[in-house]
Amino acid sequence: MSKKAINRLKVVLVEKNLTSKWLAEKLGKNEATISRWCTNDVQPSLKTLVEIAQILGVYPSDLINNNESN
Protein backbone atom coordinates (compact mmCIF):
# COMPACT_ATOMS: atom_id res chain seq x y z
CA MET A 1 0.00 0.00 0.00
CA SER A 2 1.47 3.35 -1.00
CA LYS A 3 1.75 6.24 1.40
CA LYS A 4 -0.85 8.95 0.80
CA ALA A 5 0.61 12.41 0.23
CA ILE A 6 -1.52 14.56 2.52
CA ASN A 7 0.50 17.76 2.49
CA ARG A 8 2.23 19.64 -0.34
CA LEU A 9 4.95 21.18 1.81
CA LYS A 10 7.83 19.78 -0.24
CA VAL A 11 6.24 21.00 -3.49
CA VAL A 12 5.64 24.50 -2.16
CA LEU A 13 9.20 24.76 -0.83
CA VAL A 14 10.53 23.79 -4.27
CA GLU A 15 8.20 26.25 -6.01
CA LYS A 16 9.49 29.03 -3.75
CA ASN A 17 13.12 27.88 -4.09
CA LEU A 18 13.43 27.38 -0.32
CA THR A 19 14.95 24.56 1.72
CA SER A 20 13.66 22.50 4.58
CA LYS A 21 16.66 23.76 6.58
CA TRP A 22 15.49 27.37 6.02
CA LEU A 23 11.97 26.47 7.17
CA ALA A 24 13.33 24.63 10.21
CA GLU A 25 15.23 27.74 11.25
CA LYS A 26 12.17 29.96 10.77
CA LEU A 27 9.99 27.62 12.85
CA GLY A 28 12.61 26.81 15.47
CA LYS A 29 12.20 23.11 14.69
CA ASN A 30 14.64 20.29 14.02
CA GLU A 31 15.43 19.81 10.32
CA ALA A 32 14.53 16.11 10.68
CA THR A 33 11.00 17.11 11.72
CA ILE A 34 10.58 19.23 8.58
CA SER A 35 11.93 16.36 6.49
CA ARG A 36 9.34 13.98 7.94
CA TRP A 37 6.59 16.49 7.11
CA CYS A 38 7.92 16.85 3.55
CA THR A 39 7.90 13.09 3.03
CA ASN A 40 4.45 12.79 4.62
CA ASP A 41 5.73 10.38 7.28
CA VAL A 42 4.02 12.60 9.85
CA GLN A 43 1.87 15.71 9.59
CA PRO A 44 2.28 19.10 11.24
CA SER A 45 -0.48 20.24 13.56
CA LEU A 46 -3.11 22.56 12.13
CA LYS A 47 -1.63 25.43 14.15
CA THR A 48 1.82 24.73 12.72
CA LEU A 49 0.41 24.38 9.20
CA VAL A 50 -1.10 27.86 9.49
CA GLU A 51 2.23 29.20 10.78
CA ILE A 52 4.07 27.58 7.86
CA ALA A 53 1.60 29.13 5.42
CA GLN A 54 2.21 32.58 6.91
CA ILE A 55 5.98 32.15 6.68
CA LEU A 56 5.75 30.97 3.05
CA GLY A 57 3.19 33.60 2.07
CA VAL A 58 0.56 31.10 0.92
CA TYR A 59 -2.90 30.06 2.07
CA PRO A 60 -3.02 27.06 4.43
CA SER A 61 -5.15 25.26 1.82
CA ASP A 62 -2.21 25.56 -0.63
CA LEU A 63 -0.28 23.21 1.65
CA ILE A 64 -2.89 20.44 1.58
CA ASN A 65 -3.35 17.94 -1.24
CA ASN A 66 -6.85 17.75 -2.65
CA ASN A 67 -7.12 14.16 -3.91
CA GLU A 68 -10.84 13.69 -4.40
CA SER A 69 -10.27 10.54 -6.46
CA ASN A 70 -8.94 8.58 -3.44
PDB file of N, CA and C in Angstrom:
ATOM      1  N   MET A   1       0.844  -1.179   0.000  1.00  0.00           N
ATOM      2  CA  MET A   1       0.000   0.000   0.000  1.00  0.00           C
ATOM      3  C   MET A   1       0.891   1.244   0.000  1.00  0.00           C
ATOM      4  N   SER A   2       0.639   2.152  -0.916  1.00  0.00           N
ATOM      5  CA  SER A   2       1.469   3.353  -1.003  1.00  0.00           C
ATOM      6  C   SER A   2       1.030   4.394   0.024  1.00  0.00           C
ATOM      7  N   LYS A   3       2.001   5.187   0.412  1.00  0.00           N
ATOM      8  CA  LYS A   3       1.747   6.242   1.400  1.00  0.00           C
ATOM      9  C   LYS A   3       1.000   7.391   0.722  1.00  0.00           C
ATOM     10  N   LYS A   4      -0.054   7.867   1.348  1.00  0.00           N
ATOM     11  CA  LYS A   4      -0.848   8.954   0.801  1.00  0.00           C
ATOM     12  C   LYS A   4      -0.178  10.297   1.102  1.00  0.00           C
ATOM     13  N   ALA A   5       0.010  11.090   0.072  1.00  0.00           N
ATOM     14  CA  ALA A   5       0.609  12.415   0.228  1.00  0.00           C
ATOM     15  C   ALA A   5      -0.474  13.386   0.672  1.00  0.00           C
ATOM     16  N   ILE A   6      -0.481  13.694   1.961  1.00  0.00           N
ATOM     17  CA  ILE A   6      -1.516  14.558   2.525  1.00  0.00           C
ATOM     18  C   ILE A   6      -1.151  16.032   2.350  1.00  0.00           C
ATOM     19  N   ASN A   7       0.119  16.352   2.618  1.00  0.00           N
ATOM     20  CA  ASN A   7       0.500  17.756   2.486  1.00  0.00           C
ATOM     21  C   ASN A   7       1.385  17.987   1.263  1.00  0.00           C
ATOM     22  N   ARG A   8       1.457  19.229   0.834  1.00  0.00           N
ATOM     23  CA  ARG A   8       2.233  19.637  -0.338  1.00  0.00           C
ATOM     24  C   ARG A   8       3.441  20.486   0.070  1.00  0.00           C
ATOM     25  N   LEU A   9       3.889  20.323   1.295  1.00  0.00           N
ATOM     26  CA  LEU A   9       4.951  21.175   1.813  1.00  0.00           C
ATOM     27  C   LEU A   9       6.207  21.114   0.947  1.00  0.00           C
ATOM     28  N   LYS A  10       6.624  19.930   0.575  1.00  0.00           N
ATOM     29  CA  LYS A  10       7.828  19.781  -0.243  1.00  0.00           C
ATOM     30  C   LYS A  10       7.671  20.499  -1.581  1.00  0.00           C
ATOM     31  N   VAL A  11       6.512  20.356  -2.196  1.00  0.00           N
ATOM     32  CA  VAL A  11       6.243  20.997  -3.491  1.00  0.00           C
ATOM     33  C   VAL A  11       6.294  22.513  -3.371  1.00  0.00           C
ATOM     34  N   VAL A  12       5.671  23.050  -2.344  1.00  0.00           N
ATOM     35  CA  VAL A  12       5.637  24.504  -2.159  1.00  0.00           C
ATOM     36  C   VAL A  12       7.038  25.045  -1.869  1.00  0.00           C
ATOM     37  N   LEU A  13       7.819  24.323  -1.079  1.00  0.00           N
ATOM     38  CA  LEU A  13       9.199  24.761  -0.827  1.00  0.00           C
ATOM     39  C   LEU A  13       9.991  24.809  -2.131  1.00  0.00           C
ATOM     40  N   VAL A  14       9.828  23.809  -2.984  1.00  0.00           N
ATOM     41  CA  VAL A  14      10.531  23.792  -4.274  1.00  0.00           C
ATOM     42  C   VAL A  14      10.056  24.944  -5.152  1.00  0.00           C
ATOM     43  N   GLU A  15       8.745  25.156  -5.208  1.00  0.00           N
ATOM     44  CA  GLU A  15       8.196  26.254  -6.015  1.00  0.00           C
ATOM     45  C   GLU A  15       8.754  27.605  -5.576  1.00  0.00           C
ATOM     46  N   LYS A  16       9.003  27.756  -4.282  1.00  0.00           N
ATOM     47  CA  LYS A  16       9.489  29.027  -3.747  1.00  0.00           C
ATOM     48  C   LYS A  16      11.017  29.058  -3.633  1.00  0.00           C
ATOM     49  N   ASN A  17      11.660  27.980  -4.110  1.00  0.00           N
ATOM     50  CA  ASN A  17      13.119  27.875  -4.092  1.00  0.00           C
ATOM     51  C   ASN A  17      13.677  28.020  -2.672  1.00  0.00           C
ATOM     52  N   LEU A  18      13.015  27.350  -1.728  1.00  0.00           N
ATOM     53  CA  LEU A  18      13.428  27.376  -0.323  1.00  0.00           C
ATOM     54  C   LEU A  18      13.777  25.960   0.126  1.00  0.00           C
ATOM     55  N   THR A  19      14.542  25.868   1.204  1.00  0.00           N
ATOM     56  CA  THR A  19      14.949  24.563   1.716  1.00  0.00           C
ATOM     57  C   THR A  19      14.233  24.219   3.009  1.00  0.00           C
ATOM     58  N   SER A  20      14.241  22.942   3.309  1.00  0.00           N
ATOM     59  CA  SER A  20      13.659  22.501   4.580  1.00  0.00           C
ATOM     60  C   SER A  20      14.495  23.036   5.742  1.00  0.00           C
ATOM     61  N   LYS A  21      15.797  23.199   5.529  1.00  0.00           N
ATOM     62  CA  LYS A  21      16.663  23.761   6.576  1.00  0.00           C
ATOM     63  C   LYS A  21      16.241  25.201   6.887  1.00  0.00           C
ATOM     64  N   TRP A  22      15.946  25.984   5.853  1.00  0.00           N
ATOM     65  CA  TRP A  22      15.495  27.368   6.024  1.00  0.00           C
ATOM     66  C   TRP A  22      14.201  27.396   6.836  1.00  0.00           C
ATOM     67  N   LEU A  23      13.260  26.518   6.464  1.00  0.00           N
ATOM     68  CA  LEU A  23      11.975  26.471   7.172  1.00  0.00           C
ATOM     69  C   LEU A  23      12.170  26.036   8.621  1.00  0.00           C
ATOM     70  N   ALA A  24      13.050  25.080   8.844  1.00  0.00           N
ATOM     71  CA  ALA A  24      13.325  24.627  10.210  1.00  0.00           C
ATOM     72  C   ALA A  24      13.835  25.778  11.070  1.00  0.00           C
ATOM     73  N   GLU A  25      14.705  26.590  10.507  1.00  0.00           N
ATOM     74  CA  GLU A  25      15.229  27.743  11.249  1.00  0.00           C
ATOM     75  C   GLU A  25      14.127  28.752  11.551  1.00  0.00           C
ATOM     76  N   LYS A  26      13.264  29.009  10.584  1.00  0.00           N
ATOM     77  CA  LYS A  26      12.166  29.962  10.773  1.00  0.00           C
ATOM     78  C   LYS A  26      11.181  29.496  11.851  1.00  0.00           C
ATOM     79  N   LEU A  27      10.952  28.177  11.902  1.00  0.00           N
ATOM     80  CA  LEU A  27       9.989  27.621  12.851  1.00  0.00           C
ATOM     81  C   LEU A  27      10.619  27.264  14.195  1.00  0.00           C
ATOM     82  N   GLY A  28      11.939  27.244  14.244  1.00  0.00           N
ATOM     83  CA  GLY A  28      12.615  26.815  15.467  1.00  0.00           C
ATOM     84  C   GLY A  28      12.446  25.318  15.705  1.00  0.00           C
ATOM     85  N   LYS A  29      12.388  24.561  14.618  1.00  0.00           N
ATOM     86  CA  LYS A  29      12.202  23.107  14.691  1.00  0.00           C
ATOM     87  C   LYS A  29      13.453  22.409  14.182  1.00  0.00           C
ATOM     88  N   ASN A  30      13.561  21.130  14.501  1.00  0.00           N
ATOM     89  CA  ASN A  30      14.638  20.291  14.017  1.00  0.00           C
ATOM     90  C   ASN A  30      14.446  20.039  12.524  1.00  0.00           C
ATOM     91  N   GLU A  31      15.527  20.038  11.767  1.00  0.00           N
ATOM     92  CA  GLU A  31      15.430  19.806  10.324  1.00  0.00           C
ATOM     93  C   GLU A  31      14.842  18.428  10.004  1.00  0.00           C
ATOM     94  N   ALA A  32      15.083  17.448  10.873  1.00  0.00           N
ATOM     95  CA  ALA A  32      14.528  16.111  10.676  1.00  0.00           C
ATOM     96  C   ALA A  32      12.997  16.136  10.753  1.00  0.00           C
ATOM     97  N   THR A  33      12.454  16.981  11.602  1.00  0.00           N
ATOM     98  CA  THR A  33      10.997  17.115  11.716  1.00  0.00           C
ATOM     99  C   THR A  33      10.420  17.635  10.406  1.00  0.00           C
ATOM    100  N   ILE A  34      11.042  18.662   9.847  1.00  0.00           N
ATOM    101  CA  ILE A  34      10.582  19.230   8.576  1.00  0.00           C
ATOM    102  C   ILE A  34      10.671  18.176   7.477  1.00  0.00           C
ATOM    103  N   SER A  35      11.749  17.421   7.475  1.00  0.00           N
ATOM    104  CA  SER A  35      11.928  16.360   6.489  1.00  0.00           C
ATOM    105  C   SER A  35      10.809  15.327   6.566  1.00  0.00           C
ATOM    106  N   ARG A  36      10.422  14.956   7.777  1.00  0.00           N
ATOM    107  CA  ARG A  36       9.335  13.979   7.942  1.00  0.00           C
ATOM    108  C   ARG A  36       7.995  14.552   7.470  1.00  0.00           C
ATOM    109  N   TRP A  37       7.808  15.858   7.648  1.00  0.00           N
ATOM    110  CA  TRP A  37       6.593  16.490   7.111  1.00  0.00           C
ATOM    111  C   TRP A  37       6.630  16.469   5.587  1.00  0.00           C
ATOM    112  N   CYS A  38       7.784  16.791   5.009  1.00  0.00           N
ATOM    113  CA  CYS A  38       7.923  16.851   3.549  1.00  0.00           C
ATOM    114  C   CYS A  38       7.716  15.495   2.886  1.00  0.00           C
ATOM    115  N   THR A  39       8.090  14.429   3.582  1.00  0.00           N
ATOM    116  CA  THR A  39       7.904  13.086   3.027  1.00  0.00           C
ATOM    117  C   THR A  39       6.566  12.475   3.438  1.00  0.00           C
ATOM    118  N   ASN A  40       5.768  13.231   4.166  1.00  0.00           N
ATOM    119  CA  ASN A  40       4.448  12.794   4.620  1.00  0.00           C
ATOM    120  C   ASN A  40       4.508  11.597   5.559  1.00  0.00           C
ATOM    121  N   ASP A  41       5.647  11.417   6.249  1.00  0.00           N
ATOM    122  CA  ASP A  41       5.727  10.382   7.278  1.00  0.00           C
ATOM    123  C   ASP A  41       4.850  10.765   8.458  1.00  0.00           C
ATOM    124  N   VAL A  42       4.871  12.041   8.808  1.00  0.00           N
ATOM    125  CA  VAL A  42       4.016  12.604   9.849  1.00  0.00           C
ATOM    126  C   VAL A  42       3.487  13.935   9.342  1.00  0.00           C
ATOM    127  N   GLN A  43       2.474  14.456  10.012  1.00  0.00           N
ATOM    128  CA  GLN A  43       1.870  15.712   9.590  1.00  0.00           C
ATOM    129  C   GLN A  43       2.029  16.773  10.677  1.00  0.00           C
ATOM    130  N   PRO A  44       2.247  18.022  10.253  1.00  0.00           N
ATOM    131  CA  PRO A  44       2.285  19.096  11.244  1.00  0.00           C
ATOM    132  C   PRO A  44       0.888  19.330  11.800  1.00  0.00           C
ATOM    133  N   SER A  45       0.828  19.898  12.996  1.00  0.00           N
ATOM    134  CA  SER A  45      -0.477  20.245  13.564  1.00  0.00           C
ATOM    135  C   SER A  45      -1.116  21.339  12.714  1.00  0.00           C
ATOM    136  N   LEU A  46      -2.400  21.519  12.876  1.00  0.00           N
ATOM    137  CA  LEU A  46      -3.107  22.561  12.132  1.00  0.00           C
ATOM    138  C   LEU A  46      -2.529  23.933  12.462  1.00  0.00           C
ATOM    139  N   LYS A  47      -2.227  24.160  13.729  1.00  0.00           N
ATOM    140  CA  LYS A  47      -1.633  25.433  14.145  1.00  0.00           C
ATOM    141  C   LYS A  47      -0.297  25.659  13.440  1.00  0.00           C
ATOM    142  N   THR A  48       0.526  24.619  13.382  1.00  0.00           N
ATOM    143  CA  THR A  48       1.823  24.726  12.718  1.00  0.00           C
ATOM    144  C   THR A  48       1.653  24.911  11.216  1.00  0.00           C
ATOM    145  N   LEU A  49       0.678  24.239  10.633  1.00  0.00           N
ATOM    146  CA  LEU A  49       0.413  24.376   9.199  1.00  0.00           C
ATOM    147  C   LEU A  49       0.057  25.819   8.858  1.00  0.00           C
ATOM    148  N   VAL A  50      -0.741  26.459   9.689  1.00  0.00           N
ATOM    149  CA  VAL A  50      -1.100  27.861   9.492  1.00  0.00           C
ATOM    150  C   VAL A  50       0.142  28.741   9.628  1.00  0.00           C
ATOM    151  N   GLU A  51       0.984  28.438  10.600  1.00  0.00           N
ATOM    152  CA  GLU A  51       2.228  29.200  10.784  1.00  0.00           C
ATOM    153  C   GLU A  51       3.150  29.043   9.572  1.00  0.00           C
ATOM    154  N   ILE A  52       3.250  27.826   9.053  1.00  0.00           N
ATOM    155  CA  ILE A  52       4.069  27.579   7.858  1.00  0.00           C
ATOM    156  C   ILE A  52       3.528  28.384   6.679  1.00  0.00           C
ATOM    157  N   ALA A  53       2.221  28.384   6.517  1.00  0.00           N
ATOM    158  CA  ALA A  53       1.603  29.132   5.423  1.00  0.00           C
ATOM    159  C   ALA A  53       1.930  30.616   5.521  1.00  0.00           C
ATOM    160  N   GLN A  54       1.876  31.168   6.720  1.00  0.00           N
ATOM    161  CA  GLN A  54       2.206  32.583   6.911  1.00  0.00           C
ATOM    162  C   GLN A  54       3.658  32.852   6.550  1.00  0.00           C
ATOM    163  N   ILE A  55       4.555  31.986   6.971  1.00  0.00           N
ATOM    164  CA  ILE A  55       5.978  32.151   6.677  1.00  0.00           C
ATOM    165  C   ILE A  55       6.234  32.087   5.168  1.00  0.00           C
ATOM    166  N   LEU A  56       5.542  31.161   4.491  1.00  0.00           N
ATOM    167  CA  LEU A  56       5.748  30.974   3.051  1.00  0.00           C
ATOM    168  C   LEU A  56       4.934  31.944   2.199  1.00  0.00           C
ATOM    169  N   GLY A  57       4.016  32.657   2.820  1.00  0.00           N
ATOM    170  CA  GLY A  57       3.192  33.603   2.069  1.00  0.00           C
ATOM    171  C   GLY A  57       2.167  32.926   1.180  1.00  0.00           C
ATOM    172  N   VAL A  58       1.600  31.820   1.666  1.00  0.00           N
ATOM    173  CA  VAL A  58       0.562  31.100   0.922  1.00  0.00           C
ATOM    174  C   VAL A  58      -0.632  30.875   1.840  1.00  0.00           C
ATOM    175  N   TYR A  59      -1.736  30.428   1.264  1.00  0.00           N
ATOM    176  CA  TYR A  59      -2.899  30.062   2.065  1.00  0.00           C
ATOM    177  C   TYR A  59      -2.667  28.672   2.660  1.00  0.00           C
ATOM    178  N   PRO A  60      -3.167  28.408   3.858  1.00  0.00           N
ATOM    179  CA  PRO A  60      -3.018  27.061   4.427  1.00  0.00           C
ATOM    180  C   PRO A  60      -3.540  25.976   3.477  1.00  0.00           C
ATOM    181  N   SER A  61      -4.596  26.259   2.748  1.00  0.00           N
ATOM    182  CA  SER A  61      -5.146  25.263   1.822  1.00  0.00           C
ATOM    183  C   SER A  61      -4.169  24.924   0.693  1.00  0.00           C
ATOM    184  N   ASP A  62      -3.230  25.827   0.402  1.00  0.00           N
ATOM    185  CA  ASP A  62      -2.209  25.556  -0.629  1.00  0.00           C
ATOM    186  C   ASP A  62      -1.237  24.474  -0.181  1.00  0.00           C
ATOM    187  N   LEU A  63      -1.208  24.193   1.112  1.00  0.00           N
ATOM    188  CA  LEU A  63      -0.278  23.207   1.653  1.00  0.00           C
ATOM    189  C   LEU A  63      -0.905  21.822   1.808  1.00  0.00           C
ATOM    190  N   ILE A  64      -2.173  21.704   1.410  1.00  0.00           N
ATOM    191  CA  ILE A  64      -2.892  20.436   1.577  1.00  0.00           C
ATOM    192  C   ILE A  64      -3.272  19.883   0.221  1.00  0.00           C
ATOM    193  N   ASN A  65      -2.982  18.603   0.008  1.00  0.00           N
ATOM    194  CA  ASN A  65      -3.349  17.939  -1.235  1.00  0.00           C
ATOM    195  C   ASN A  65      -4.847  17.742  -1.285  1.00  0.00           C
ATOM    196  N   ASN A  66      -5.416  17.956  -2.449  1.00  0.00           N
ATOM    197  CA  ASN A  66      -6.845  17.746  -2.654  1.00  0.00           C
ATOM    198  C   ASN A  66      -7.002  16.593  -3.626  1.00  0.00           C
ATOM    199  N   ASN A  67      -6.986  15.375  -3.088  1.00  0.00           N
ATOM    200  CA  ASN A  67      -7.121  14.165  -3.913  1.00  0.00           C
ATOM    201  C   ASN A  67      -8.512  13.597  -3.756  1.00  0.00           C
ATOM    202  N   GLU A  68      -9.449  14.145  -4.509  1.00  0.00           N
ATOM    203  CA  GLU A  68     -10.838  13.691  -4.398  1.00  0.00           C
ATOM    204  C   GLU A  68     -11.039  12.296  -4.969  1.00  0.00           C
ATOM    205  N   SER A  69     -10.105  11.847  -5.819  1.00  0.00           N
ATOM    206  CA  SER A  69     -10.268  10.539  -6.456  1.00  0.00           C
ATOM    207  C   SER A  69      -9.907   9.392  -5.536  1.00  0.00           C
ATOM    208  N   ASN A  70      -9.354   9.668  -4.354  1.00  0.00           N
ATOM    209  CA  ASN A  70      -8.939   8.576  -3.438  1.00  0.00           C
ATOM    210  C   ASN A  70     -10.049   8.175  -2.535  1.00  0.00           C
TER     211      ASN A  70
END
